[in-house]
Protein backbone atom coordinates (compact mmCIF):
# COMPACT_ATOMS: atom_id res chain seq x y z
CA MET A 1 85.62 96.97 94.99
CA ALA A 2 83.05 94.88 96.73
CA LYS A 3 81.66 95.81 100.13
CA LYS A 4 81.62 93.10 102.78
CA LEU A 5 78.05 93.07 104.06
CA ASN A 6 76.79 91.06 106.99
CA ALA A 7 73.22 90.27 105.89
CA GLN A 8 72.16 88.92 109.29
CA LYS A 9 73.07 92.18 111.02
CA ASP A 10 72.13 94.56 108.24
CA PRO A 11 69.02 96.56 109.34
CA VAL A 12 68.27 97.60 105.75
CA LEU A 13 68.06 94.19 104.11
CA GLY A 14 67.06 92.33 107.24
CA SER A 15 67.82 88.68 107.83
CA LEU A 16 67.42 86.92 104.46
CA PRO A 17 67.47 83.11 104.47
CA ASP A 18 69.31 81.43 101.60
CA SER A 19 65.97 80.20 100.23
CA VAL A 20 64.77 83.80 99.84
CA VAL A 21 67.99 84.83 98.09
CA ASP A 22 67.70 81.81 95.78
CA GLU A 23 64.11 82.77 94.99
CA LEU A 24 65.11 86.33 94.14
CA ILE A 25 67.82 85.12 91.78
CA LYS A 26 65.45 82.55 90.26
CA ASN A 27 63.05 85.33 89.29
CA CYS A 28 65.79 87.08 87.30
CA LYS A 29 65.14 85.74 83.82
CA THR A 30 67.21 88.34 81.97
CA SER A 31 70.18 90.61 82.62
CA GLY A 32 67.67 93.45 82.86
CA ASP A 33 65.90 91.65 85.71
CA LEU A 34 69.21 91.25 87.53
CA ASP A 35 70.03 94.94 87.04
CA GLY A 36 66.63 95.82 88.47
CA LEU A 37 67.21 93.64 91.52
CA LEU A 38 70.63 95.19 92.13
CA LYS A 39 69.12 98.67 91.87
CA GLN A 40 66.46 97.77 94.42
CA ILE A 41 69.06 96.41 96.82
CA THR A 42 71.28 99.47 96.27
CA LYS A 43 68.34 101.81 96.93
CA ARG A 44 67.34 100.03 100.14
CA LEU A 45 70.93 99.96 101.33
CA LEU A 46 71.54 103.67 100.65
CA ASP A 47 68.16 104.74 102.04
CA GLY A 48 68.99 102.83 105.22
CA MET A 49 72.43 104.44 105.44
CA LEU A 50 70.89 107.90 104.99
CA GLU A 51 68.36 107.17 107.71
CA GLY A 52 71.20 106.02 109.97
CA GLU A 53 73.05 109.28 109.35
CA MET A 54 69.93 111.30 110.18
CA THR A 55 69.53 109.39 113.44
CA ASN A 56 73.15 110.11 114.30
CA HIS A 57 72.69 113.78 113.33
CA LEU A 58 69.60 114.31 115.49
CA GLY A 59 70.62 112.02 118.31
CA TYR A 60 67.40 109.96 118.39
CA GLY A 61 65.71 107.33 116.25
CA ARG A 62 62.65 107.69 114.01
CA HIS A 63 60.25 106.22 116.57
CA ASP A 64 61.98 107.46 119.71
CA LYS A 65 60.22 109.98 121.93
CA LEU A 66 61.62 113.47 121.49
CA TYR A 67 62.01 115.36 124.75
CA GLU A 68 64.36 118.30 124.20
CA SER A 69 65.52 119.30 120.73
CA ASN A 70 65.36 122.31 118.45
CA ASN A 71 65.47 120.08 115.40
CA SER A 72 63.48 117.14 114.03
CA ARG A 73 62.79 115.14 110.89
CA ASN A 74 61.00 116.96 108.08
CA GLY A 75 60.10 114.36 105.49
CA PHE A 76 62.12 113.47 102.41
CA SER A 77 63.29 114.83 99.10
CA THR A 78 64.07 112.65 96.10
CA LYS A 79 67.35 112.58 94.21
CA VAL A 80 68.51 110.46 91.27
CA VAL A 81 72.04 109.25 91.92
CA SER A 82 74.47 107.42 89.62
CA THR A 83 75.79 104.22 91.21
CA PRO A 84 77.84 101.27 89.91
CA ASN A 85 74.45 99.53 89.41
CA GLY A 86 72.95 102.39 87.39
CA GLU A 87 70.81 105.37 88.33
CA VAL A 88 68.84 105.01 91.56
CA GLU A 89 66.18 107.32 92.97
CA LEU A 90 66.82 107.87 96.67
CA ASP A 91 64.73 109.31 99.48
CA ILE A 92 66.95 111.90 101.16
CA PRO A 93 65.85 112.67 104.75
CA ARG A 94 65.39 116.33 105.66
CA ASP A 95 65.51 118.11 109.00
CA ARG A 96 63.68 121.24 110.15
CA THR A 97 66.78 123.44 110.34
CA SER A 98 68.23 122.21 107.00
CA GLU A 99 71.55 121.41 108.69
CA PHE A 100 71.67 117.75 107.67
CA ASP A 101 74.42 117.10 105.10
CA PRO A 102 74.87 113.34 104.58
CA LEU A 103 78.31 111.87 104.04
CA VAL A 104 77.22 109.01 101.82
CA ILE A 105 75.54 111.34 99.28
CA PRO A 106 76.67 114.93 100.00
CA LYS A 107 74.48 117.88 99.03
CA HIS A 108 74.66 118.73 95.31
CA SER A 109 76.34 115.38 94.57
CA ARG A 110 74.82 113.12 91.93
CA ARG A 111 77.33 110.30 92.18
CA LEU A 112 77.89 107.64 94.83
CA GLU A 113 81.29 108.84 96.02
CA GLY A 114 80.53 109.70 99.61
CA ILE A 115 81.83 106.54 101.24
CA ASP A 116 85.19 106.65 99.44
CA LYS A 117 85.59 110.34 100.22
CA SER A 118 84.63 109.80 103.84
CA ILE A 119 87.15 107.00 104.20
CA LEU A 120 89.93 109.12 102.66
CA ALA A 121 89.02 112.11 104.84
CA LEU A 122 89.07 110.00 108.00
CA TYR A 123 92.33 108.34 106.95
CA ALA A 124 93.87 111.79 106.38
CA LYS A 125 92.90 112.71 109.95
CA GLY A 126 95.07 109.88 111.22
CA MET A 127 92.41 107.23 111.87
CA SER A 128 93.41 103.60 111.42
CA THR A 129 91.49 101.25 109.11
CA ARG A 130 90.02 99.58 112.22
CA ASP A 131 88.84 102.94 113.63
CA ILE A 132 87.28 103.86 110.29
CA ARG A 133 85.52 100.49 110.10
CA ASP A 134 84.09 100.98 113.60
CA MET A 135 82.90 104.51 112.82
CA LEU A 136 81.17 103.44 109.59
CA GLN A 137 79.53 100.61 111.49
CA GLU A 138 78.26 103.09 114.08
CA LEU A 139 77.09 105.68 111.52
CA TYR A 140 75.64 103.40 108.85
CA CYS A 141 75.22 100.01 110.56
CA LEU A 142 77.31 98.78 107.64
CA ASP A 143 79.91 96.06 108.14
CA ILE A 144 82.80 97.10 105.90
CA SER A 145 86.01 95.12 106.06
CA GLU A 146 89.37 96.66 106.86
CA GLU A 147 90.58 95.22 103.56
CA PHE A 148 87.96 97.25 101.69
CA ILE A 149 89.01 100.42 103.52
CA SER A 150 92.64 99.70 102.71
CA ASN A 151 91.71 99.24 99.04
CA VAL A 152 89.97 102.62 99.04
CA THR A 153 93.05 104.34 100.47
CA ASP A 154 95.18 102.49 97.91
CA SER A 155 93.30 104.43 95.24
CA VAL A 156 95.53 107.44 95.96
CA VAL A 157 98.79 105.56 95.32
CA ASP A 158 98.74 106.49 91.63
CA ASP A 159 98.01 110.10 92.58
CA ILE A 160 101.00 110.09 94.91
CA ARG A 161 103.23 108.77 92.13
CA LEU A 162 102.07 111.50 89.75
CA TRP A 163 102.45 114.17 92.43
CA GLN A 164 105.93 113.03 93.39
CA ASN A 165 107.05 113.14 89.75
CA ARG A 166 105.21 116.27 88.60
CA PRO A 167 107.20 118.99 86.76
CA LEU A 168 108.43 121.85 88.94
CA ASP A 169 109.04 125.54 88.26
CA GLU A 170 112.54 126.45 87.09
CA LEU A 171 113.06 128.75 90.08
CA TYR A 172 112.10 128.44 93.73
CA PRO A 173 113.84 131.41 95.39
CA ILE A 174 113.73 129.87 98.88
CA VAL A 175 113.68 126.19 99.81
CA TYR A 176 113.38 124.62 103.28
CA VAL A 177 114.42 121.10 104.18
CA ASP A 178 113.44 119.10 107.24
CA CYS A 179 112.39 115.59 108.26
CA LEU A 180 110.07 113.76 110.63
CA VAL A 181 110.55 110.31 112.09
CA VAL A 182 108.01 107.49 111.80
CA LYS A 183 107.98 103.87 112.96
CA VAL A 184 107.63 101.35 110.13
CA GLN A 185 107.37 97.57 110.20
CA GLU A 186 110.04 96.00 108.03
CA ASN A 187 111.32 92.41 107.92
CA LYS A 188 109.24 91.56 111.01
CA GLN A 189 110.89 94.38 112.94
CA VAL A 190 109.80 97.91 113.82
CA ILE A 191 112.41 100.49 112.82
CA ASN A 192 112.64 104.27 112.76
CA LYS A 193 112.57 105.85 109.34
CA SER A 194 112.91 109.49 108.39
CA VAL A 195 110.54 111.17 105.96
CA TYR A 196 112.35 114.04 104.28
CA LEU A 197 110.32 117.01 103.12
CA VAL A 198 111.35 119.79 100.77
CA LEU A 199 109.20 122.92 100.95
CA GLY A 200 109.61 125.61 98.32
CA ILE A 201 108.56 129.25 98.13
CA ASN A 202 107.65 129.86 94.49
CA GLY A 203 107.98 133.06 92.49
CA GLU A 204 104.62 134.28 93.77
CA GLY A 205 105.65 133.81 97.40
CA ARG A 206 103.39 130.83 98.04
CA LYS A 207 104.39 127.62 99.77
CA GLU A 208 104.57 124.38 97.81
CA LEU A 209 105.71 120.99 99.05
CA LEU A 210 108.04 119.75 96.33
CA GLY A 211 108.25 116.13 97.43
CA MET A 212 108.62 113.48 100.14
CA TRP A 213 111.28 110.82 100.50
CA ILE A 214 111.66 108.07 103.09
CA SER A 215 114.87 106.40 104.22
CA ALA A 216 116.28 104.57 107.22
CA THR A 217 119.62 106.30 106.72
CA GLU A 218 120.68 109.66 105.38
CA GLY A 219 123.85 111.35 104.26
CA ALA A 220 125.44 113.17 101.34
CA LYS A 221 124.65 110.34 98.91
CA PHE A 222 120.99 110.26 99.91
CA TRP A 223 120.60 114.02 99.63
CA LEU A 224 122.42 114.10 96.32
CA GLY A 225 119.77 111.74 94.94
CA VAL A 226 116.93 113.91 96.26
CA LEU A 227 118.33 117.16 94.85
CA THR A 228 119.22 115.55 91.55
CA GLU A 229 115.61 114.35 91.27
CA LEU A 230 114.35 117.90 91.89
CA TYR A 231 116.74 119.23 89.25
CA ASN A 232 115.56 116.63 86.71
CA ARG A 233 111.93 117.57 87.42
CA GLY A 234 112.68 121.13 86.30
CA LEU A 235 113.99 122.96 89.38
CA LYS A 236 117.12 124.55 87.91
CA GLU A 237 117.84 127.29 90.40
CA ILE A 238 117.52 127.96 94.13
CA PHE A 239 118.60 131.24 95.71
CA ILE A 240 118.57 130.30 99.42
CA THR A 241 118.29 126.91 101.11
CA CYS A 242 117.31 126.87 104.79
CA ILE A 243 118.50 123.80 106.67
CA ASP A 244 118.72 122.57 110.27
CA GLY A 245 122.09 120.85 110.05
CA LEU A 246 121.07 117.54 108.52
CA LYS A 247 124.19 115.50 107.85
CA GLY A 248 125.58 115.78 104.31
CA LEU A 249 122.90 118.19 103.12
CA ASP A 250 125.09 121.26 102.60
CA ASP A 251 127.58 119.29 100.47
CA ALA A 252 124.78 117.86 98.34
CA ILE A 253 123.26 121.33 97.82
CA ARG A 254 126.56 122.80 96.65
CA SER A 255 127.07 119.95 94.17
CA VAL A 256 123.68 120.42 92.45
CA TYR A 257 122.96 124.11 93.12
CA PRO A 258 126.42 125.71 93.52
CA GLN A 259 125.00 129.25 93.40
CA ALA A 260 122.57 128.67 96.28
CA ILE A 261 123.25 130.38 99.61
CA ILE A 262 122.93 128.00 102.58
CA GLN A 263 121.37 129.39 105.76
CA LEU A 264 121.52 127.29 108.91
CA CYS A 265 118.44 127.65 111.10
CA VAL A 266 119.32 130.03 113.94
CA VAL A 267 116.54 128.66 116.16
CA HIS A 268 118.01 125.15 115.93
CA GLN A 269 121.45 126.57 116.70
CA ILE A 270 120.10 128.31 119.81
CA ARG A 271 118.33 125.15 121.01
CA ASN A 272 121.50 123.11 120.57
CA SER A 273 123.50 125.77 122.42
CA LEU A 274 121.17 125.90 125.40
CA LYS A 275 121.44 122.15 125.91
CA TYR A 276 124.72 122.81 127.72
CA VAL A 277 123.28 125.45 130.05
CA PRO A 278 121.58 124.85 133.43
CA TYR A 279 118.12 126.31 133.85
CA LYS A 280 119.08 129.23 136.11
CA GLU A 281 121.50 130.62 133.48
CA LYS A 282 119.51 129.84 130.34
CA LYS A 283 117.82 133.25 130.14
CA GLU A 284 121.07 135.21 130.40
CA VAL A 285 122.86 133.03 127.86
CA ALA A 286 119.89 133.25 125.46
CA ASN A 287 119.90 137.08 125.71
CA ASP A 288 123.63 137.22 124.93
CA LEU A 289 123.13 134.91 121.93
CA LYS A 290 120.36 137.22 120.74
CA SER A 291 122.86 140.05 120.41
CA ILE A 292 124.70 137.92 117.84
CA TYR A 293 121.92 137.00 115.43
CA THR A 294 120.07 140.33 115.69
CA SER A 295 123.14 142.36 114.76
CA ALA A 296 122.89 144.77 111.84
CA THR A 297 125.85 143.27 109.97
CA ALA A 298 127.89 140.08 109.89
CA GLU A 299 130.95 141.97 111.20
CA LEU A 300 129.04 143.23 114.23
CA GLY A 301 127.54 139.77 114.76
CA LEU A 302 131.01 138.20 114.77
CA ALA A 303 132.25 140.86 117.20
CA ASN A 304 129.33 140.07 119.53
CA LEU A 305 130.19 136.38 119.22
CA ASP A 306 133.75 137.22 120.36
CA GLU A 307 132.30 139.03 123.38
CA PHE A 308 130.07 136.04 124.10
CA ALA A 309 133.08 133.72 124.01
CA LYS A 310 135.04 135.92 126.44
CA LYS A 311 132.13 135.88 128.89
CA TRP A 312 131.00 132.26 128.73
CA ASP A 313 133.84 130.06 127.42
CA SER A 314 135.06 129.35 130.93
CA LYS A 315 131.73 127.64 131.67
CA PHE A 316 130.36 126.57 128.29
CA PRO A 317 133.17 126.47 125.70
CA ALA A 318 131.20 124.21 123.35
CA ILE A 319 128.67 126.98 122.59
CA SER A 320 130.99 129.53 121.00
CA LYS A 321 132.93 126.73 119.28
CA SER A 322 129.74 125.56 117.57
CA TRP A 323 128.85 129.10 116.47
CA TYR A 324 132.36 129.72 115.09
CA ASN A 325 132.35 126.40 113.22
CA ASN A 326 128.98 127.17 111.61
CA TRP A 327 129.44 130.91 111.19
CA ASP A 328 129.59 130.82 107.37
CA LYS A 329 126.10 129.22 107.29
CA LEU A 330 124.68 131.18 110.24
CA SER A 331 125.77 134.56 108.87
CA ALA A 332 124.30 134.21 105.37
CA MET A 333 121.17 136.12 106.43
CA PHE A 334 123.21 139.28 107.07
CA GLU A 335 123.50 139.77 103.31
CA PHE A 336 119.79 140.65 103.18
CA SER A 337 117.42 143.22 104.62
CA GLY A 338 114.71 142.66 107.24
CA PRO A 339 111.93 141.08 105.09
CA ILE A 340 114.23 138.36 103.79
CA ARG A 341 115.96 137.78 107.12
CA LYS A 342 112.60 137.10 108.77
CA VAL A 343 111.88 134.44 106.17
CA ILE A 344 115.21 132.62 106.15
CA TYR A 345 116.75 132.84 109.64
CA THR A 346 114.57 129.94 110.82
CA THR A 347 112.99 126.83 109.30
CA ASN A 348 109.69 127.56 111.07
CA ALA A 349 107.82 127.43 107.74
CA ILE A 350 108.51 123.74 107.27
CA GLU A 351 108.49 122.94 110.99
CA SER A 352 104.91 124.22 111.12
CA LEU A 353 104.09 121.79 108.31
CA ASN A 354 105.80 118.97 110.19
CA MET A 355 103.85 119.73 113.36
CA THR A 356 100.56 119.48 111.46
CA LEU A 357 101.63 116.23 109.82
CA ARG A 358 102.62 114.76 113.19
CA LYS A 359 99.14 115.53 114.50
CA ALA A 360 97.65 113.73 111.51
CA ILE A 361 99.64 110.54 112.12
CA LYS A 362 99.88 110.55 115.92
CA ASN A 363 97.32 107.73 116.24
CA LYS A 364 99.30 105.51 113.88
CA ARG A 365 102.13 104.48 116.11
CA ILE A 366 103.44 101.85 113.68
CA PHE A 367 102.97 101.84 109.91
CA PRO A 368 102.84 98.46 108.15
CA ASN A 369 104.99 99.66 105.23
CA ASP A 370 106.38 102.72 103.43
CA THR A 371 103.32 102.98 101.19
CA SER A 372 101.10 103.41 104.22
CA VAL A 373 103.32 106.28 105.39
CA PHE A 374 103.05 108.04 102.05
CA LYS A 375 99.27 107.58 101.88
CA SER A 376 98.73 109.12 105.29
CA LEU A 377 101.08 112.04 104.75
CA TYR A 378 99.93 112.76 101.19
CA LEU A 379 96.27 112.94 102.18
CA ALA A 380 97.18 115.22 105.09
CA VAL A 381 99.25 117.45 102.78
CA LEU A 382 96.28 117.88 100.43
CA GLY A 383 94.29 119.37 103.29
CA ILE A 384 97.17 121.60 104.40
CA GLU A 385 97.89 122.95 100.91
CA ARG A 386 94.31 124.14 100.55
CA LYS A 387 95.13 126.71 103.24
CA TRP A 388 98.23 128.00 101.46
CA THR A 389 96.42 130.68 99.49
CA MET A 390 98.36 133.80 100.46
CA PRO A 391 101.98 134.74 99.73
CA ILE A 392 104.35 135.23 102.65
CA ARG A 393 104.45 138.74 104.14
CA ASP A 394 106.37 141.47 102.24
CA TRP A 395 107.12 139.01 99.46
CA GLN A 396 107.24 141.48 96.56
CA SER A 397 109.92 143.56 98.26
CA ALA A 398 111.88 140.47 99.27
CA PHE A 399 111.63 138.89 95.81
CA SER A 400 112.87 142.07 94.11
CA GLN A 401 115.93 142.12 96.39
CA LEU A 402 116.66 138.47 95.64
CA MET A 403 116.38 138.98 91.89
CA ILE A 404 118.84 141.87 92.05
CA LYS A 405 121.19 140.01 94.38
CA PHE A 406 121.37 137.01 92.05
CA GLY A 407 121.68 139.05 88.87
CA LYS A 408 118.25 138.30 87.42
CA ILE A 409 117.37 141.98 86.87
């Protein structure tokens, strides 16, 4: 991929008249001469970019007067780096405190990958191609086109395809499902689309995002396709699926994973219930609802729901009606002890993921297409998954109970 360079503005190469460029090319008698010229240009370009990074790091230029600083330039070190034009020996600037770590050629790196990695990292943070172009111009004084930046981000499309189709474990004891809404340009219109995420807890108790799907509409047919895809990728059994009431999802789960227990998110149920309640009575109603979902057994929970209905139906009849209608999915957690209940009574695990993803894409108010959505979210997910190193709390005890409950021991 070629970089778009503005020679007249480039401080490394300077302003080169066409006659000078022609003379340089004229002196290249062999392919070896041309390779040598390209190496010289590459070296001058990279040396200039490194110097620009050092200036940005210290906050003052090479010949500027230094008034107040605990750091300064400290000469150079040499490094041989592999580039598309062959190996080039670079002069790497050093600072007194050894804190300078260039982006274009990171410490310990021997390959010219810094720019691509920097672009992907900035894109994952939610920056637009225009913002990235402006930042690279400021850091490196390098005029890189938005098209080039887009091409760099396109390099992950194949990775996304492989990730989305990778084989899965046969068993994910607990699976969470949720979605987030993005604005996408389609047919010269901006429409809302939902990105559906499926988060699994594997046998070791660690989180793993199983896939992402995007659709303008959703229902039983859509979810049947998603779950069938997971099944065909190797996921043969789910013990518990935690949902927030997405339309058609429970029917689709039962058709593909008939043995799975469906738990409706209690937190979502509470939020929906409190919509009907004025502010001055919210606290009292919330406390009475708490007596339902914190009960020791399903029978006691249902009895507390009856008491709630007697007290509040005259004012808010829709609340108890909703709890009664969803009781089979709300009460599933009562079949398990404390460690499992804490994990499944809410979809907080995947909502936390969604919140982080929303932060990553908040600056991109409108995506040009579905591919752009997937690129942004996939790069953000890579950063999030690096933090998922520990199993969820009390997992061994919870997993043993699940294996016994589902006849696996």
